[in-house]
Amino acid sequence: MHEVSISQLWSRAWDLFKVNWLLLLGLLVIAIIVNFIPFIGGLIVGILLLPALVRAGYLVARQGQSSFGEAFGDLGSLLKIFAYNLILWLILLLIPAILIGVGYVLMMDSVHTKEKVVILVVAGLIIFFILNLFGWAGPYAILSGQAGIFSAIGQSFSLTAQNFVKVFVAFLSYIGLAILGLLLCGVGLLVVGSMAYVFLPLLYLALTDAEGVSHSK
């Protein structure tokens, strides 16, 4: 396995973002705008725009450049990514049920209401973080042709388990950059968000020893 440097991957993601900023930032902004359309907007984003953004980031990480045409060029892959994300979203629906159970237990003791709310919020964030921590690589396993929709879940969990420290540090670095971007009037958050769609496939390629620009000099 190639030595994986999180800082170098972010540096590479920045270099690739500068070359493909119109594609990546454009897709992200379009997705945000379309998401405000009542009812159908969320469907368009979930089924088409976000999978296209994931595919665009993967292609940029793999070959250095991509285009809007390539991002939308494989409808089958986009639908597979949507199906994979849908499965994760359905799992996320279990979080309220878990939190309700935790809340019921807390109601039975003497913990104050404010403390209960804090505990429930923290528990939800932890569960959400863990699910994303172990499920992040699935779309790239699908795009690389290494897995189907369901087997991608197992591969993603396995890849994270085998490289837990690296992946954990990578996610913490993303959270740190996102917070920094948020402080810059939100504009920086758009840049960091766009870069993340390149950073994650770069991380996947590095951890799986796949060929891509993540290994180029």
C-alpha atoms as a PDB file:
ATOM      1  CA  MET A   1       0.000   0.000   0.000  1.00  0.00           C
ATOM      2  CA  HIS A   2       1.217   3.479  -0.805  1.00  0.00           C
ATOM      3  CA  GLU A   3       1.933   5.721   2.157  1.00  0.00           C
ATOM      4  CA  VAL A   4      -1.097   7.927   2.634  1.00  0.00           C
ATOM      5  CA  SER A   5      -0.502  11.538   3.690  1.00  0.00           C
ATOM      6  CA  ILE A   6      -3.724  13.394   4.470  1.00  0.00           C
ATOM      7  CA  SER A   7      -2.082  16.784   4.002  1.00  0.00           C
ATOM      8  CA  GLN A   8      -0.690  15.752   0.612  1.00  0.00           C
ATOM      9  CA  LEU A   9      -4.106  14.487  -0.476  1.00  0.00           C
ATOM     10  CA  TRP A  10      -5.688  17.817   0.464  1.00  0.00           C
ATOM     11  CA  SER A  11      -2.914  19.614  -1.412  1.00  0.00           C
ATOM     12  CA  ARG A  12      -3.585  17.448  -4.457  1.00  0.00           C
ATOM     13  CA  ALA A  13      -7.328  18.026  -4.101  1.00  0.00           C
ATOM     14  CA  TRP A  14      -6.691  21.782  -4.091  1.00  0.00           C
ATOM     15  CA  ASP A  15      -4.552  21.560  -7.231  1.00  0.00           C
ATOM     16  CA  LEU A  16      -7.231  19.537  -9.015  1.00  0.00           C
ATOM     17  CA  PHE A  17      -9.975  21.865  -7.782  1.00  0.00           C
ATOM     18  CA  LYS A  18      -8.204  24.856  -9.310  1.00  0.00           C
ATOM     19  CA  VAL A  19      -8.248  23.092 -12.688  1.00  0.00           C
ATOM     20  CA  ASN A  20     -11.846  21.842 -12.385  1.00  0.00           C
ATOM     21  CA  TRP A  21     -13.410  24.534 -10.187  1.00  0.00           C
ATOM     22  CA  LEU A  22     -16.179  25.417 -12.642  1.00  0.00           C
ATOM     23  CA  LEU A  23     -17.351  21.805 -12.861  1.00  0.00           C
ATOM     24  CA  LEU A  24     -17.162  21.001  -9.143  1.00  0.00           C
ATOM     25  CA  LEU A  25     -18.354  24.300  -7.715  1.00  0.00           C
ATOM     26  CA  GLY A  26     -20.951  24.613 -10.460  1.00  0.00           C
ATOM     27  CA  LEU A  27     -22.506  21.221  -9.717  1.00  0.00           C
ATOM     28  CA  LEU A  28     -22.519  21.918  -5.986  1.00  0.00           C
ATOM     29  CA  VAL A  29     -24.162  25.325  -6.358  1.00  0.00           C
ATOM     30  CA  ILE A  30     -26.741  23.943  -8.807  1.00  0.00           C
ATOM     31  CA  ALA A  31     -27.537  21.147  -6.344  1.00  0.00           C
ATOM     32  CA  ILE A  32     -28.014  23.656  -3.522  1.00  0.00           C
ATOM     33  CA  ILE A  33     -30.298  25.856  -5.632  1.00  0.00           C
ATOM     34  CA  VAL A  34     -32.370  22.978  -7.011  1.00  0.00           C
ATOM     35  CA  ASN A  35     -32.795  21.589  -3.504  1.00  0.00           C
ATOM     36  CA  PHE A  36     -34.942  24.631  -2.667  1.00  0.00           C
ATOM     37  CA  ILE A  37     -37.549  23.600  -5.254  1.00  0.00           C
ATOM     38  CA  PRO A  38     -40.493  22.148  -3.287  1.00  0.00           C
ATOM     39  CA  PHE A  39     -41.003  18.377  -3.454  1.00  0.00           C
ATOM     40  CA  ILE A  40     -39.232  17.563  -6.722  1.00  0.00           C
ATOM     41  CA  GLY A  41     -36.042  19.481  -5.970  1.00  0.00           C
ATOM     42  CA  GLY A  42     -34.796  17.031  -3.375  1.00  0.00           C
ATOM     43  CA  LEU A  43     -35.484  14.119  -5.722  1.00  0.00           C
ATOM     44  CA  ILE A  44     -33.533  15.697  -8.568  1.00  0.00           C
ATOM     45  CA  VAL A  45     -30.606  16.379  -6.250  1.00  0.00           C
ATOM     46  CA  GLY A  46     -30.620  12.913  -4.707  1.00  0.00           C
ATOM     47  CA  ILE A  47     -31.149  10.936  -7.896  1.00  0.00           C
ATOM     48  CA  LEU A  48     -29.093  12.963 -10.364  1.00  0.00           C
ATOM     49  CA  LEU A  49     -27.073  15.963  -9.169  1.00  0.00           C
ATOM     50  CA  LEU A  50     -25.270  14.577  -6.122  1.00  0.00           C
ATOM     51  CA  PRO A  51     -24.387  11.290  -7.862  1.00  0.00           C
ATOM     52  CA  ALA A  52     -23.103  13.345 -10.810  1.00  0.00           C
ATOM     53  CA  LEU A  53     -20.988  15.409  -8.419  1.00  0.00           C
ATOM     54  CA  VAL A  54     -19.588  12.235  -6.858  1.00  0.00           C
ATOM     55  CA  ARG A  55     -18.809  10.848 -10.308  1.00  0.00           C
ATOM     56  CA  ALA A  56     -17.225  14.131 -11.400  1.00  0.00           C
ATOM     57  CA  GLY A  57     -14.974  14.160  -8.337  1.00  0.00           C
ATOM     58  CA  TYR A  58     -13.979  10.550  -8.931  1.00  0.00           C
ATOM     59  CA  LEU A  59     -13.127  11.213 -12.578  1.00  0.00           C
ATOM     60  CA  VAL A  60     -11.102  14.286 -11.618  1.00  0.00           C
ATOM     61  CA  ALA A  61      -9.193  12.258  -9.032  1.00  0.00           C
ATOM     62  CA  ARG A  62      -8.673   9.430 -11.492  1.00  0.00           C
ATOM     63  CA  GLN A  63      -7.702  11.290 -14.651  1.00  0.00           C
ATOM     64  CA  GLY A  64      -7.005  14.868 -13.597  1.00  0.00           C
ATOM     65  CA  GLN A  65      -9.858  16.530 -15.458  1.00  0.00           C
ATOM     66  CA  SER A  66     -13.507  15.960 -16.242  1.00  0.00           C
ATOM     67  CA  SER A  67     -16.503  17.706 -17.774  1.00  0.00           C
ATOM     68  CA  PHE A  68     -20.221  18.132 -17.246  1.00  0.00           C
ATOM     69  CA  GLY A  69     -20.824  15.637 -20.036  1.00  0.00           C
ATOM     70  CA  GLU A  70     -18.686  12.991 -18.355  1.00  0.00           C
ATOM     71  CA  ALA A  71     -20.271  13.664 -14.980  1.00  0.00           C
ATOM     72  CA  PHE A  72     -23.721  12.846 -16.354  1.00  0.00           C
ATOM     73  CA  GLY A  73     -22.474  10.411 -18.989  1.00  0.00           C
ATOM     74  CA  ASP A  74     -23.199   7.114 -17.210  1.00  0.00           C
ATOM     75  CA  LEU A  75     -26.795   7.066 -15.970  1.00  0.00           C
ATOM     76  CA  GLY A  76     -26.427   3.508 -14.706  1.00  0.00           C
ATOM     77  CA  SER A  77     -23.609   4.507 -12.353  1.00  0.00           C
ATOM     78  CA  LEU A  78     -25.553   7.529 -11.151  1.00  0.00           C
ATOM     79  CA  LEU A  79     -28.560   5.363 -10.302  1.00  0.00           C
ATOM     80  CA  LYS A  80     -26.341   2.888  -8.458  1.00  0.00           C
ATOM     81  CA  ILE A  81     -24.823   5.689  -6.396  1.00  0.00           C
ATOM     82  CA  PHE A  82     -28.328   6.985  -5.644  1.00  0.00           C
ATOM     83  CA  ALA A  83     -29.421   3.504  -4.557  1.00  0.00           C
ATOM     84  CA  TYR A  84     -26.362   3.173  -2.325  1.00  0.00           C
ATOM     85  CA  ASN A  85     -26.996   6.566  -0.734  1.00  0.00           C
ATOM     86  CA  LEU A  86     -30.667   5.677  -0.310  1.00  0.00           C
ATOM     87  CA  ILE A  87     -29.694   2.614   1.698  1.00  0.00           C
ATOM     88  CA  LEU A  88     -27.532   4.771   3.959  1.00  0.00           C
ATOM     89  CA  TRP A  89     -30.371   7.282   4.314  1.00  0.00           C
ATOM     90  CA  LEU A  90     -32.738   4.465   5.322  1.00  0.00           C
ATOM     91  CA  ILE A  91     -30.224   3.403   7.933  1.00  0.00           C
ATOM     92  CA  LEU A  92     -30.144   7.000   9.116  1.00  0.00           C
ATOM     93  CA  LEU A  93     -33.899   6.778   9.679  1.00  0.00           C
ATOM     94  CA  LEU A  94     -33.091   4.334  12.448  1.00  0.00           C
ATOM     95  CA  ILE A  95     -31.331   7.124  14.311  1.00  0.00           C
ATOM     96  CA  PRO A  96     -34.573   8.802  15.502  1.00  0.00           C
ATOM     97  CA  ALA A  97     -35.816   5.440  16.749  1.00  0.00           C
ATOM     98  CA  ILE A  98     -32.568   4.922  18.666  1.00  0.00           C
ATOM     99  CA  LEU A  99     -32.734   8.425  20.077  1.00  0.00           C
ATOM    100  CA  ILE A 100     -36.348   7.941  21.115  1.00  0.00           C
ATOM    101  CA  GLY A 101     -35.264   4.856  22.994  1.00  0.00           C
ATOM    102  CA  VAL A 102     -32.440   6.772  24.631  1.00  0.00           C
ATOM    103  CA  GLY A 103     -34.842   9.588  25.454  1.00  0.00           C
ATOM    104  CA  TYR A 104     -37.276   7.178  27.065  1.00  0.00           C
ATOM    105  CA  VAL A 105     -34.500   5.827  29.274  1.00  0.00           C
ATOM    106  CA  LEU A 106     -33.468   9.343  30.234  1.00  0.00           C
ATOM    107  CA  MET A 107     -37.066  10.221  31.096  1.00  0.00           C
ATOM    108  CA  MET A 108     -36.993   7.486  33.685  1.00  0.00           C
ATOM    109  CA  ASP A 109     -34.169   9.066  35.678  1.00  0.00           C
ATOM    110  CA  SER A 110     -33.458  12.421  37.250  1.00  0.00           C
ATOM    111  CA  VAL A 111     -31.432  13.986  34.428  1.00  0.00           C
ATOM    112  CA  HIS A 112     -32.562  17.555  33.761  1.00  0.00           C
ATOM    113  CA  THR A 113     -34.341  18.398  30.497  1.00  0.00           C
ATOM    114  CA  LYS A 114     -31.506  20.511  29.040  1.00  0.00           C
ATOM    115  CA  GLU A 115     -29.027  17.768  29.750  1.00  0.00           C
ATOM    116  CA  LYS A 116     -31.339  15.248  28.055  1.00  0.00           C
ATOM    117  CA  VAL A 117     -31.494  17.375  24.917  1.00  0.00           C
ATOM    118  CA  VAL A 118     -27.708  17.721  24.829  1.00  0.00           C
ATOM    119  CA  ILE A 119     -27.257  13.967  25.253  1.00  0.00           C
ATOM    120  CA  LEU A 120     -29.736  13.205  22.438  1.00  0.00           C
ATOM    121  CA  VAL A 121     -28.107  15.703  20.057  1.00  0.00           C
ATOM    122  CA  VAL A 122     -24.617  14.395  20.782  1.00  0.00           C
ATOM    123  CA  ALA A 123     -25.783  10.797  20.369  1.00  0.00           C
ATOM    124  CA  GLY A 124     -27.344  11.645  16.996  1.00  0.00           C
ATOM    125  CA  LEU A 125     -24.201  13.390  15.762  1.00  0.00           C
ATOM    126  CA  ILE A 126     -22.027  10.467  16.852  1.00  0.00           C
ATOM    127  CA  ILE A 127     -24.220   7.947  15.037  1.00  0.00           C
ATOM    128  CA  PHE A 128     -24.308  10.123  11.914  1.00  0.00           C
ATOM    129  CA  PHE A 129     -20.522  10.526  11.997  1.00  0.00           C
ATOM    130  CA  ILE A 130     -19.916   6.792  12.437  1.00  0.00           C
ATOM    131  CA  LEU A 131     -22.236   5.878   9.558  1.00  0.00           C
ATOM    132  CA  ASN A 132     -20.504   8.309   7.205  1.00  0.00           C
ATOM    133  CA  LEU A 133     -17.100   7.243   8.500  1.00  0.00           C
ATOM    134  CA  PHE A 134     -17.726   3.640   7.485  1.00  0.00           C
ATOM    135  CA  GLY A 135     -19.927   4.216   4.436  1.00  0.00           C
ATOM    136  CA  TRP A 136     -17.999   6.910   2.557  1.00  0.00           C
ATOM    137  CA  ALA A 137     -16.107   4.628   0.132  1.00  0.00           C
ATOM    138  CA  GLY A 138     -19.085   2.765  -1.315  1.00  0.00           C
ATOM    139  CA  PRO A 139     -19.744   5.065  -4.296  1.00  0.00           C
ATOM    140  CA  TYR A 140     -16.098   4.864  -5.367  1.00  0.00           C
ATOM    141  CA  ALA A 141     -16.113   1.070  -5.155  1.00  0.00           C
ATOM    142  CA  ILE A 142     -19.143   1.176  -7.466  1.00  0.00           C
ATOM    143  CA  LEU A 143     -17.561   3.651  -9.882  1.00  0.00           C
ATOM    144  CA  SER A 144     -14.335   1.652 -10.009  1.00  0.00           C
ATOM    145  CA  GLY A 145     -16.302  -1.450 -10.972  1.00  0.00           C
ATOM    146  CA  GLN A 146     -15.089  -3.320  -7.884  1.00  0.00           C
ATOM    147  CA  ALA A 147     -18.506  -3.767  -6.274  1.00  0.00           C
ATOM    148  CA  GLY A 148     -22.237  -3.705  -6.750  1.00  0.00           C
ATOM    149  CA  ILE A 149     -24.639  -1.672  -4.661  1.00  0.00           C
ATOM    150  CA  PHE A 150     -24.830  -4.043  -1.692  1.00  0.00           C
ATOM    151  CA  SER A 151     -21.281  -5.395  -1.797  1.00  0.00           C
ATOM    152  CA  ALA A 152     -20.049  -1.787  -1.826  1.00  0.00           C
ATOM    153  CA  ILE A 153     -21.371  -1.414   1.714  1.00  0.00           C
ATOM    154  CA  GLY A 154     -19.234  -4.292   2.931  1.00  0.00           C
ATOM    155  CA  GLN A 155     -16.201  -3.071   1.013  1.00  0.00           C
ATOM    156  CA  SER A 156     -16.555   0.441   2.427  1.00  0.00           C
ATOM    157  CA  PHE A 157     -16.873  -0.798   5.993  1.00  0.00           C
ATOM    158  CA  SER A 158     -13.923  -3.156   5.474  1.00  0.00           C
ATOM    159  CA  LEU A 159     -11.717  -0.458   3.940  1.00  0.00           C
ATOM    160  CA  THR A 160     -12.416   1.893   6.841  1.00  0.00           C
ATOM    161  CA  ALA A 161     -11.856  -0.820   9.439  1.00  0.00           C
ATOM    162  CA  GLN A 162      -8.478  -1.717   7.889  1.00  0.00           C
ATOM    163  CA  ASN A 163      -7.401   1.942   7.709  1.00  0.00           C
ATOM    164  CA  PHE A 164      -9.371   3.355  10.611  1.00  0.00           C
ATOM    165  CA  VAL A 165      -6.804   5.862  11.867  1.00  0.00           C
ATOM    166  CA  LYS A 166      -6.146   7.324   8.410  1.00  0.00           C
ATOM    167  CA  VAL A 167      -9.849   7.597   7.566  1.00  0.00           C
ATOM    168  CA  PHE A 168     -10.677   9.037  10.986  1.00  0.00           C
ATOM    169  CA  VAL A 169      -7.972  11.686  10.647  1.00  0.00           C
ATOM    170  CA  ALA A 170      -9.183  12.433   7.101  1.00  0.00           C
ATOM    171  CA  PHE A 171     -12.726  13.069   8.329  1.00  0.00           C
ATOM    172  CA  LEU A 172     -11.506  15.202  11.218  1.00  0.00           C
ATOM    173  CA  SER A 173      -9.434  17.256   8.783  1.00  0.00           C
ATOM    174  CA  TYR A 174     -12.517  17.771   6.609  1.00  0.00           C
ATOM    175  CA  ILE A 175     -14.565  18.909   9.604  1.00  0.00           C
ATOM    176  CA  GLY A 176     -11.794  21.324  10.590  1.00  0.00           C
ATOM    177  CA  LEU A 177     -11.574  22.781   7.083  1.00  0.00           C
ATOM    178  CA  ALA A 178     -15.373  23.018   6.885  1.00  0.00           C
ATOM    179  CA  ILE A 179     -15.477  25.002  10.120  1.00  0.00           C
ATOM    180  CA  LEU A 180     -12.730  27.269   8.806  1.00  0.00           C
ATOM    181  CA  GLY A 181     -14.632  27.705   5.547  1.00  0.00           C
ATOM    182  CA  LEU A 182     -17.808  28.544   7.445  1.00  0.00           C
ATOM    183  CA  LEU A 183     -15.988  31.342   9.230  1.00  0.00           C
ATOM    184  CA  LEU A 184     -15.147  32.880   5.833  1.00  0.00           C
ATOM    185  CA  CYS A 185     -18.736  34.036   5.272  1.00  0.00           C
ATOM    186  CA  GLY A 186     -19.710  30.606   3.944  1.00  0.00           C
ATOM    187  CA  VAL A 187     -17.851  31.074   0.648  1.00  0.00           C
ATOM    188  CA  GLY A 188     -14.949  29.045   1.937  1.00  0.00           C
ATOM    189  CA  LEU A 189     -17.387  26.286   2.869  1.00  0.00           C
ATOM    190  CA  LEU A 190     -18.429  25.978  -0.779  1.00  0.00           C
ATOM    191  CA  VAL A 191     -14.788  25.616  -1.789  1.00  0.00           C
ATOM    192  CA  VAL A 192     -14.057  23.049   0.915  1.00  0.00           C
ATOM    193  CA  GLY A 193     -17.240  21.169   0.040  1.00  0.00           C
ATOM    194  CA  SER A 194     -16.257  21.054  -3.623  1.00  0.00           C
ATOM    195  CA  MET A 195     -12.716  19.957  -2.775  1.00  0.00           C
ATOM    196  CA  ALA A 196     -14.078  17.160  -0.590  1.00  0.00           C
ATOM    197  CA  TYR A 197     -15.621  15.523  -3.661  1.00  0.00           C
ATOM    198  CA  VAL A 198     -12.082  15.196  -5.018  1.00  0.00           C
ATOM    199  CA  PHE A 199     -10.355  14.498  -1.711  1.00  0.00           C
ATOM    200  CA  LEU A 200     -12.474  11.437  -0.872  1.00  0.00           C
ATOM    201  CA  PRO A 201     -11.849   9.591  -4.154  1.00  0.00           C
ATOM    202  CA  LEU A 202      -8.161  10.507  -3.854  1.00  0.00           C
ATOM    203  CA  LEU A 203      -8.220   8.890  -0.420  1.00  0.00           C
ATOM    204  CA  TYR A 204      -9.992   5.839  -1.840  1.00  0.00           C
ATOM    205  CA  LEU A 205      -7.487   5.490  -4.680  1.00  0.00           C
ATOM    206  CA  ALA A 206      -4.582   5.830  -2.260  1.00  0.00           C
ATOM    207  CA  LEU A 207      -5.941   3.287   0.223  1.00  0.00           C
ATOM    208  CA  THR A 208      -6.783   0.744  -2.469  1.00  0.00           C
ATOM    209  CA  ASP A 209      -3.562   1.236  -4.452  1.00  0.00           C
ATOM    210  CA  ALA A 210      -5.672   2.057  -7.517  1.00  0.00           C
ATOM    211  CA  GLU A 211      -4.107   4.006 -10.350  1.00  0.00           C
ATOM    212  CA  GLY A 212      -4.941   7.680 -10.458  1.00  0.00           C
ATOM    213  CA  VAL A 213      -3.505  11.130 -10.194  1.00  0.00           C
ATOM    214  CA  SER A 214      -3.219  10.633  -6.435  1.00  0.00           C
ATOM    215  CA  HIS A 215      -0.019   8.670  -7.192  1.00  0.00           C
ATOM    216  CA  SER A 216       1.400  11.064  -9.751  1.00  0.00           C
ATOM    217  CA  LYS A 217       4.464  13.095  -8.972  1.00  0.00           C
END
